[in-house]
Amino acid sequence: ISEVQRVFAIILFLIIWLVAIYILRHRLAGHRLNLRDSLYNALTPLISTFCVLIMVVIQCIPVMLVLITYSAAVATEFLDTPFYALVYFIFAAVMSTLSIYWLSGSLLALVAVTAPGLYPMTAIYIANDLIIGHRIKFIIRVFYLLFVTALLFIVVMLPIILIDLWASHLNDWFANLPVVPFFILCLTAFSFVYISAYLYLLYRQILSSTNSVSEQEIK
């Protein structure tokens, strides 16, 4: 995948994220809207969402360090010594816990920043205030969401891949059709909409149980 394709994919998924949350927010508020208005109005906080996303990437650095150092440790046989392996395990656990702790607030900020007129740092502060007392529950819900999404990919894509392999052996023409990439793209888009809706509903649930912060009214 080229750099241009990665940037295009990030922008595309940000648009899906914003439109899905925008439609869900207005539907739950009882407002009538169409897809055209949603595309025009939902992209207003695009820059703010991108700024929060940069914060999410920065908070993933500890986990990235674990992955990088693990590859180096395996290559140099550093983990073959039990004491060094224990030290590395403690290091990996601390770094992973740190990233998970930070990301729990920033993922909620990605939802909060979609509210009209909310700045990125304000959304991060609000999310950190909201998640106090709900962090463990939120992390468990996110891991459950990832598990369900992975299970969905396995259940849907495994039969499609098997059918594609079977059909490709029967007919060379069918082997040239991008069946598997097409279904992966569709399932990825659906999963992203599902994740957006799930996190937004979870955000509203946390918001309703917290009296310290209130969501801005949708005009």
Protein backbone atom coordinates (compact mmCIF):
# COMPACT_ATOMS: atom_id res chain seq x y z
CA ILE A 1 0.00 0.00 0.00
CA SER A 2 1.43 3.36 -1.03
CA GLU A 3 1.48 6.47 1.15
CA VAL A 4 -1.19 8.11 -1.01
CA GLN A 5 -3.50 5.12 -0.54
CA ARG A 6 -2.96 5.21 3.22
CA VAL A 7 -3.81 8.92 3.40
CA PHE A 8 -6.88 8.35 1.23
CA ALA A 9 -7.98 5.45 3.46
CA ILE A 10 -7.58 7.55 6.62
CA ILE A 11 -9.62 10.40 5.15
CA LEU A 12 -12.28 7.98 3.90
CA PHE A 13 -12.68 6.30 7.27
CA LEU A 14 -12.78 9.67 9.04
CA ILE A 15 -15.64 10.66 6.75
CA ILE A 16 -17.47 7.40 7.50
CA TRP A 17 -16.88 7.96 11.22
CA LEU A 18 -18.23 11.53 11.18
CA VAL A 19 -21.24 10.80 8.97
CA ALA A 20 -22.25 7.72 10.98
CA ILE A 21 -22.11 9.59 14.29
CA TYR A 22 -23.85 12.64 12.81
CA ILE A 23 -26.75 10.57 11.47
CA LEU A 24 -27.07 8.59 14.70
CA ARG A 25 -26.97 11.73 16.87
CA HIS A 26 -29.73 13.42 14.89
CA ARG A 27 -31.84 10.28 14.61
CA LEU A 28 -31.73 9.80 18.37
CA ALA A 29 -32.67 13.46 18.78
CA GLY A 30 -35.72 12.92 16.56
CA HIS A 31 -34.50 15.10 13.70
CA ARG A 32 -35.24 14.31 10.06
CA LEU A 33 -32.28 14.48 7.68
CA ASN A 34 -31.06 13.06 4.41
CA LEU A 35 -27.71 11.68 3.31
CA ARG A 36 -26.80 14.79 1.33
CA ASP A 37 -27.20 17.11 4.31
CA SER A 38 -25.37 14.61 6.47
CA LEU A 39 -22.36 14.59 4.12
CA TYR A 40 -22.27 18.39 4.03
CA ASN A 41 -22.77 19.07 7.73
CA ALA A 42 -21.06 16.06 9.30
CA LEU A 43 -17.64 17.01 7.92
CA THR A 44 -17.50 20.29 9.87
CA PRO A 45 -15.38 18.83 12.70
CA LEU A 46 -13.04 16.99 10.29
CA ILE A 47 -9.96 19.02 11.26
CA SER A 48 -10.74 18.72 14.97
CA THR A 49 -11.21 14.96 14.64
CA PHE A 50 -7.92 14.68 12.77
CA CYS A 51 -6.14 16.56 15.57
CA VAL A 52 -7.53 14.14 18.18
CA LEU A 53 -6.50 11.26 15.91
CA ILE A 54 -2.93 12.57 15.94
CA MET A 55 -3.07 12.45 19.73
CA VAL A 56 -4.24 8.83 19.49
CA VAL A 57 -1.26 7.97 17.29
CA ILE A 58 1.13 9.63 19.76
CA GLN A 59 -0.40 7.63 22.62
CA CYS A 60 0.26 4.41 20.68
CA ILE A 61 4.03 5.05 20.81
CA PRO A 62 4.58 2.90 23.95
CA VAL A 63 2.96 -0.10 22.24
CA MET A 64 5.00 0.56 19.11
CA LEU A 65 8.16 0.58 21.24
CA VAL A 66 7.16 -2.81 22.65
CA LEU A 67 6.73 -4.24 19.15
CA ILE A 68 10.02 -2.80 17.92
CA THR A 69 12.01 -3.92 20.96
CA TYR A 70 10.41 -7.38 20.86
CA SER A 71 11.66 -7.93 17.32
CA ALA A 72 15.14 -6.81 18.37
CA ALA A 73 15.02 -8.98 21.49
CA VAL A 74 14.08 -12.07 19.50
CA ALA A 75 16.75 -11.40 16.89
CA THR A 76 19.49 -10.99 19.54
CA GLU A 77 18.21 -13.89 21.69
CA PHE A 78 17.81 -11.44 24.56
CA LEU A 79 14.72 -13.27 25.85
CA ASP A 80 16.54 -16.59 26.18
CA THR A 81 17.79 -15.53 29.62
CA PRO A 82 14.95 -15.89 32.17
CA PHE A 83 15.90 -12.75 34.13
CA TYR A 84 16.05 -10.59 31.02
CA ALA A 85 12.78 -12.11 29.80
CA LEU A 86 11.11 -11.15 33.10
CA VAL A 87 12.48 -7.60 32.87
CA TYR A 88 11.22 -7.29 29.30
CA PHE A 89 7.80 -8.68 30.29
CA ILE A 90 7.50 -6.01 33.01
CA PHE A 91 8.58 -3.34 30.51
CA ALA A 92 6.04 -4.54 27.93
CA ALA A 93 3.26 -4.71 30.53
CA VAL A 94 3.95 -1.16 31.76
CA MET A 95 4.14 0.29 28.24
CA SER A 96 0.97 -1.52 27.09
CA THR A 97 -0.95 -0.46 30.20
CA LEU A 98 0.17 3.14 29.68
CA SER A 99 -1.09 3.18 26.10
CA ILE A 100 -4.39 1.53 27.02
CA TYR A 101 -4.88 4.05 29.83
CA TRP A 102 -4.27 7.00 27.51
CA LEU A 103 -6.25 5.59 24.59
CA SER A 104 -9.35 4.96 26.70
CA GLY A 105 -9.80 8.71 27.10
CA SER A 106 -8.77 9.62 23.55
CA LEU A 107 -11.19 7.15 21.94
CA LEU A 108 -13.98 8.83 23.88
CA ALA A 109 -12.59 12.19 22.75
CA LEU A 110 -12.94 11.08 19.11
CA VAL A 111 -16.68 10.85 19.77
CA ALA A 112 -16.92 14.00 21.89
CA VAL A 113 -15.12 16.15 19.30
CA THR A 114 -17.91 15.51 16.77
CA ALA A 115 -20.24 17.73 18.83
CA PRO A 116 -20.83 21.13 17.17
CA GLY A 117 -18.29 23.81 18.03
CA LEU A 118 -16.06 21.64 20.23
CA TYR A 119 -12.30 22.15 19.98
CA PRO A 120 -9.87 19.18 20.10
CA MET A 121 -8.27 19.93 23.48
CA THR A 122 -11.67 20.73 24.98
CA ALA A 123 -12.96 17.37 23.74
CA ILE A 124 -9.95 15.60 25.28
CA TYR A 125 -10.50 17.32 28.64
CA ILE A 126 -14.22 16.48 28.56
CA ALA A 127 -13.51 12.86 27.66
CA ASN A 128 -10.96 12.52 30.46
CA ASP A 129 -13.49 13.94 32.93
CA LEU A 130 -16.24 11.66 31.64
CA ILE A 131 -14.23 8.47 31.81
CA ILE A 132 -13.29 8.88 35.47
CA GLY A 133 -14.95 5.97 37.25
CA HIS A 134 -15.87 4.34 33.93
CA ARG A 135 -12.39 3.53 32.54
CA ILE A 136 -12.34 -0.20 33.31
CA LYS A 137 -15.89 -0.66 32.01
CA PHE A 138 -15.03 1.31 28.86
CA ILE A 139 -11.86 -0.72 28.20
CA ILE A 140 -13.78 -4.00 28.63
CA ARG A 141 -16.45 -2.77 26.21
CA VAL A 142 -13.82 -1.80 23.64
CA PHE A 143 -12.13 -5.20 23.85
CA TYR A 144 -15.55 -6.82 23.47
CA LEU A 145 -16.17 -4.64 20.40
CA LEU A 146 -12.84 -5.70 18.87
CA PHE A 147 -13.63 -9.36 19.59
CA VAL A 148 -17.06 -9.14 17.93
CA THR A 149 -15.57 -7.33 14.91
CA ALA A 150 -12.84 -9.95 14.50
CA LEU A 151 -15.40 -12.74 14.86
CA LEU A 152 -17.56 -11.06 12.21
CA PHE A 153 -14.64 -11.02 9.77
CA ILE A 154 -13.93 -14.70 10.42
CA VAL A 155 -17.56 -15.80 10.06
CA VAL A 156 -18.21 -13.78 6.91
CA MET A 157 -14.88 -13.89 5.10
CA LEU A 158 -13.88 -17.51 5.69
CA PRO A 159 -16.73 -18.98 3.58
CA ILE A 160 -16.17 -16.34 0.90
CA ILE A 161 -12.45 -17.16 0.69
CA LEU A 162 -13.17 -20.90 0.49
CA ILE A 163 -15.80 -20.39 -2.22
CA ASP A 164 -13.42 -18.11 -4.12
CA LEU A 165 -10.65 -20.74 -4.01
CA TRP A 166 -13.05 -23.46 -5.13
CA ALA A 167 -14.45 -21.35 -8.00
CA SER A 168 -10.94 -20.29 -9.08
CA HIS A 169 -9.94 -23.92 -9.55
CA LEU A 170 -13.01 -24.52 -11.71
CA ASN A 171 -12.67 -21.46 -13.93
CA ASP A 172 -9.59 -19.32 -14.60
CA TRP A 173 -11.83 -16.37 -15.53
CA PHE A 174 -13.31 -16.31 -12.04
CA ALA A 175 -9.81 -16.21 -10.54
CA ASN A 176 -9.26 -12.76 -12.06
CA LEU A 177 -12.29 -11.26 -10.32
CA PRO A 178 -11.47 -9.29 -7.12
CA VAL A 179 -14.19 -11.01 -5.12
CA VAL A 180 -12.32 -11.31 -1.83
CA PRO A 181 -10.94 -7.72 -1.84
CA PHE A 182 -14.42 -6.39 -2.68
CA PHE A 183 -16.05 -8.20 0.25
CA ILE A 184 -13.21 -7.18 2.57
CA LEU A 185 -13.76 -3.54 1.57
CA CYS A 186 -17.53 -3.78 2.13
CA LEU A 187 -17.12 -5.58 5.45
CA THR A 188 -14.50 -3.07 6.59
CA ALA A 189 -16.83 -0.16 5.81
CA PHE A 190 -19.72 -1.89 7.60
CA SER A 191 -17.50 -2.68 10.59
CA PHE A 192 -16.37 0.93 10.81
CA VAL A 193 -19.99 2.13 10.83
CA TYR A 194 -20.78 -0.44 13.51
CA ILE A 195 -17.80 0.65 15.62
CA SER A 196 -18.79 4.31 15.24
CA ALA A 197 -22.36 3.63 16.34
CA TYR A 198 -21.26 1.40 19.22
CA LEU A 199 -18.78 3.93 20.61
CA TYR A 200 -21.24 6.79 20.23
CA LEU A 201 -23.95 4.91 22.12
CA LEU A 202 -21.39 4.00 24.78
CA TYR A 203 -20.41 7.68 24.96
CA ARG A 204 -24.03 8.71 25.48
CA GLN A 205 -24.42 6.06 28.16
CA ILE A 206 -21.39 7.38 30.05
CA LEU A 207 -22.59 10.94 29.48
CA SER A 208 -26.03 10.23 30.89
CA SER A 209 -24.54 8.72 34.05
CA THR A 210 -22.22 11.69 34.62
CA ASN A 211 -23.52 15.02 35.89
CA SER A 212 -20.25 16.95 35.66
CA VAL A 213 -20.26 17.38 31.89
CA SER A 214 -23.18 17.76 29.49
CA GLU A 215 -23.14 17.36 25.73
CA GLN A 216 -23.74 20.46 23.65
CA GLU A 217 -27.27 20.82 22.37
CA ILE A 218 -27.78 20.04 18.67
CA LYS A 219 -29.43 22.92 16.95
